[in-house]
C-alpha atoms as a PDB file:
ATOM      1  CA  MET A   1       7.676 -16.680  28.552  1.00  0.00           C
ATOM      2  CA  ASP A   2       4.649 -14.633  27.563  1.00  0.00           C
ATOM      3  CA  TRP A   3       3.921 -14.932  23.804  1.00  0.00           C
ATOM      4  CA  THR A   4       2.430 -11.442  23.554  1.00  0.00           C
ATOM      5  CA  TYR A   5       5.683  -9.949  24.851  1.00  0.00           C
ATOM      6  CA  LEU A   6       7.691 -11.927  22.287  1.00  0.00           C
ATOM      7  CA  LEU A   7       5.359 -10.883  19.486  1.00  0.00           C
ATOM      8  CA  LEU A   8       5.581  -7.213  20.500  1.00  0.00           C
ATOM      9  CA  GLU A   9       9.364  -7.444  20.693  1.00  0.00           C
ATOM     10  CA  TRP A  10       9.478  -9.012  17.208  1.00  0.00           C
ATOM     11  CA  VAL A  11       7.259  -6.241  15.783  1.00  0.00           C
ATOM     12  CA  VAL A  12       9.406  -3.494  17.315  1.00  0.00           C
ATOM     13  CA  VAL A  13      12.691  -5.043  16.160  1.00  0.00           C
ATOM     14  CA  ASN A  14      11.389  -5.520  12.614  1.00  0.00           C
ATOM     15  CA  ALA A  15      10.002  -1.992  12.505  1.00  0.00           C
ATOM     16  CA  LEU A  16      13.360  -0.567  13.552  1.00  0.00           C
ATOM     17  CA  TRP A  17      15.348  -2.790  11.196  1.00  0.00           C
ATOM     18  CA  LYS A  18      14.316  -1.409   7.790  1.00  0.00           C
ATOM     19  CA  GLY A  19      16.636  -2.662   5.075  1.00  0.00           C
ATOM     20  CA  GLY A  20      20.244  -3.593   5.657  1.00  0.00           C
ATOM     21  CA  ASP A  21      21.576  -0.053   6.026  1.00  0.00           C
ATOM     22  CA  ARG A  22      21.594   0.977   9.674  1.00  0.00           C
ATOM     23  CA  ARG A  23      23.380   4.282   8.963  1.00  0.00           C
ATOM     24  CA  ARG A  24      20.372   6.608   8.898  1.00  0.00           C
ATOM     25  CA  SER A  25      20.570  10.314   8.499  1.00  0.00           C
ATOM     26  CA  ARG A  26      19.977  11.993  11.851  1.00  0.00           C
ATOM     27  CA  SER A  27      17.974  14.777  10.188  1.00  0.00           C
ATOM     28  CA  VAL A  28      15.193  12.399   9.115  1.00  0.00           C
ATOM     29  CA  ARG A  29      12.641  11.696  11.830  1.00  0.00           C
ATOM     30  CA  PRO A  30      11.642   8.024  11.775  1.00  0.00           C
ATOM     31  CA  ASP A  31       7.982   7.103  11.455  1.00  0.00           C
ATOM     32  CA  PRO A  32       6.376   6.577  14.856  1.00  0.00           C
ATOM     33  CA  LEU A  33       5.947   2.918  15.760  1.00  0.00           C
ATOM     34  CA  PHE A  34       2.512   3.464  17.238  1.00  0.00           C
ATOM     35  CA  PRO A  35       0.940   6.551  15.590  1.00  0.00           C
ATOM     36  CA  GLU A  36      -2.480   5.726  17.059  1.00  0.00           C
ATOM     37  CA  ALA A  37      -1.017   5.993  20.566  1.00  0.00           C
ATOM     38  CA  GLU A  38       0.317   9.484  19.780  1.00  0.00           C
ATOM     39  CA  ARG A  39      -3.091  10.557  18.468  1.00  0.00           C
ATOM     40  CA  MET A  40      -4.815   9.142  21.548  1.00  0.00           C
ATOM     41  CA  GLU A  41      -2.411  11.053  23.801  1.00  0.00           C
ATOM     42  CA  ILE A  42      -3.351  14.352  22.129  1.00  0.00           C
ATOM     43  CA  VAL A  43      -7.050  13.509  22.374  1.00  0.00           C
ATOM     44  CA  GLN A  44      -6.620  12.645  26.058  1.00  0.00           C
ATOM     45  CA  ARG A  45      -4.922  15.995  26.714  1.00  0.00           C
ATOM     46  CA  ALA A  46      -7.832  17.751  24.979  1.00  0.00           C
ATOM     47  CA  LEU A  47     -10.316  15.850  27.152  1.00  0.00           C
ATOM     48  CA  GLU A  48      -8.472  16.838  30.322  1.00  0.00           C
ATOM     49  CA  SER A  49      -8.090  20.501  29.378  1.00  0.00           C
ATOM     50  CA  GLY A  50     -11.458  20.981  27.664  1.00  0.00           C
ATOM     51  CA  SER A  51      -9.742  22.150  24.463  1.00  0.00           C
ATOM     52  CA  ASP A  52     -10.878  21.584  20.913  1.00  0.00           C
ATOM     53  CA  ILE A  53      -8.846  19.585  18.410  1.00  0.00           C
ATOM     54  CA  ARG A  54      -8.420  19.921  14.659  1.00  0.00           C
ATOM     55  CA  LEU A  55      -8.211  16.601  12.888  1.00  0.00           C
ATOM     56  CA  ILE A  56      -7.886  15.159   9.418  1.00  0.00           C
ATOM     57  CA  TYR A  57     -10.292  12.229   9.333  1.00  0.00           C
ATOM     58  CA  PHE A  58     -10.740   9.521   6.714  1.00  0.00           C
ATOM     59  CA  ALA A  59     -14.458   8.875   6.288  1.00  0.00           C
ATOM     60  CA  ALA A  60     -14.836   5.292   5.096  1.00  0.00           C
ATOM     61  CA  SER A  61     -18.392   5.913   3.883  1.00  0.00           C
ATOM     62  CA  SER A  62     -17.306   8.557   1.343  1.00  0.00           C
ATOM     63  CA  GLY A  63     -13.691   7.462   0.903  1.00  0.00           C
ATOM     64  CA  GLN A  64     -12.499  11.038   1.479  1.00  0.00           C
ATOM     65  CA  GLU A  65     -10.433  12.846   4.064  1.00  0.00           C
ATOM     66  CA  THR A  66     -12.079  15.800   5.781  1.00  0.00           C
ATOM     67  CA  GLU A  67     -10.719  18.440   8.120  1.00  0.00           C
ATOM     68  CA  ARG A  68     -12.797  18.829  11.265  1.00  0.00           C
ATOM     69  CA  VAL A  69     -12.742  20.833  14.471  1.00  0.00           C
ATOM     70  CA  VAL A  70     -14.260  18.866  17.330  1.00  0.00           C
ATOM     71  CA  THR A  71     -14.743  19.116  21.078  1.00  0.00           C
ATOM     72  CA  PRO A  72     -13.877  15.700  22.583  1.00  0.00           C
ATOM     73  CA  ARG A  73     -16.427  14.226  25.005  1.00  0.00           C
ATOM     74  CA  SER A  74     -15.118  10.694  25.623  1.00  0.00           C
ATOM     75  CA  LEU A  75     -12.520   8.191  24.466  1.00  0.00           C
ATOM     76  CA  TRP A  76     -13.460   4.545  24.719  1.00  0.00           C
ATOM     77  CA  GLN A  77     -12.678   1.107  23.370  1.00  0.00           C
ATOM     78  CA  ALA A  78     -15.262  -0.939  21.476  1.00  0.00           C
ATOM     79  CA  GLN A  79     -15.664  -4.679  21.985  1.00  0.00           C
ATOM     80  CA  ALA A  80     -13.828  -5.290  18.703  1.00  0.00           C
ATOM     81  CA  GLY A  81     -10.802  -3.441  20.124  1.00  0.00           C
ATOM     82  CA  GLN A  82     -10.956  -0.191  18.134  1.00  0.00           C
ATOM     83  CA  TRP A  83     -10.572   3.062  20.034  1.00  0.00           C
ATOM     84  CA  LEU A  84     -13.420   5.491  19.435  1.00  0.00           C
ATOM     85  CA  LEU A  85     -13.736   9.192  20.099  1.00  0.00           C
ATOM     86  CA  THR A  86     -17.125  10.719  20.820  1.00  0.00           C
ATOM     87  CA  ALA A  87     -17.017  14.446  20.127  1.00  0.00           C
ATOM     88  CA  GLN A  88     -19.090  17.475  19.220  1.00  0.00           C
ATOM     89  CA  ASP A  89     -18.379  17.981  15.513  1.00  0.00           C
ATOM     90  CA  HIS A  90     -18.371  21.699  14.655  1.00  0.00           C
ATOM     91  CA  LEU A  91     -18.595  20.966  10.892  1.00  0.00           C
ATOM     92  CA  ARG A  92     -21.787  18.908  11.220  1.00  0.00           C
ATOM     93  CA  GLY A  93     -23.147  20.661  14.321  1.00  0.00           C
ATOM     94  CA  ASP A  94     -23.857  17.330  15.966  1.00  0.00           C
ATOM     95  CA  GLN A  95     -22.250  14.769  18.253  1.00  0.00           C
ATOM     96  CA  ARG A  96     -20.335  12.162  16.240  1.00  0.00           C
ATOM     97  CA  THR A  97     -18.190   9.110  16.880  1.00  0.00           C
ATOM     98  CA  PHE A  98     -14.783   8.910  15.203  1.00  0.00           C
ATOM     99  CA  ARG A  99     -12.589   5.834  14.916  1.00  0.00           C
ATOM    100  CA  VAL A 100      -9.129   6.836  16.194  1.00  0.00           C
ATOM    101  CA  GLY A 101      -7.456   4.550  13.639  1.00  0.00           C
ATOM    102  CA  ARG A 102      -8.944   6.679  10.842  1.00  0.00           C
ATOM    103  CA  ILE A 103      -7.617   9.963  12.226  1.00  0.00           C
ATOM    104  CA  LYS A 104      -4.685  10.883   9.976  1.00  0.00           C
ATOM    105  CA  GLU A 105      -3.555  14.020  11.826  1.00  0.00           C
ATOM    106  CA  VAL A 106      -4.609  15.658  15.060  1.00  0.00           C
ATOM    107  CA  ARG A 107      -3.631  18.980  16.598  1.00  0.00           C
ATOM    108  CA  LEU A 108      -4.595  20.449  19.950  1.00  0.00           C
ATOM    109  CA  LEU A 109      -6.085  23.924  19.543  1.00  0.00           C
ATOM    110  CA  PRO A 110      -5.410  26.669  22.078  1.00  0.00           C
ATOM    111  CA  ARG A 111      -8.189  27.084  24.568  1.00  0.00           C
ATOM    112  CA  PRO A 112     -10.019  30.411  24.175  1.00  0.00           C
ATOM    113  CA  PRO A 113      -9.581  32.782  27.111  1.00  0.00           C
ATOM    114  CA  THR A 114     -12.423  32.789  29.598  1.00  0.00           C
ATOM    115  CA  PRO A 115     -14.057  36.153  30.280  1.00  0.00           C
ATOM    116  CA  PRO A 116     -13.407  37.620  33.733  1.00  0.00           C
END
C-alpha cells in the first residue's frame, strides 16, 4: 500500500479526533483541515475572473500582519514546495510575491463594473 496515502489518512483521522469527547456542538464550525487549500481556491477564482482580493498577510521580515489589496497575476509552486502568489500590490504600487502559507485571511472582492 502507498505510504503517502496511509500518512494522509493518519493525519486526517488525528485531526478529526480531538480529545475523547466526540459529541461536538453543531453550532461550532470545525477548523478547516487544509486552510491553505481554501486560500488557494479563492486566489484561483480571482485569477480566473480578473478580480482583486483583500488579504491579511504575515510579513516575516517585519513580523507584522498587514492588510493588502492585490490583483493576482500567477499562482505557482517553488522547488521547495511552497505555493507562491505573484500579484500587483496596491499598497506598495509594485508587483510582489506572497507565500500562500503566510496569508492568514483572503476575500474575493467584487469586480468593478466595466463601462459600456
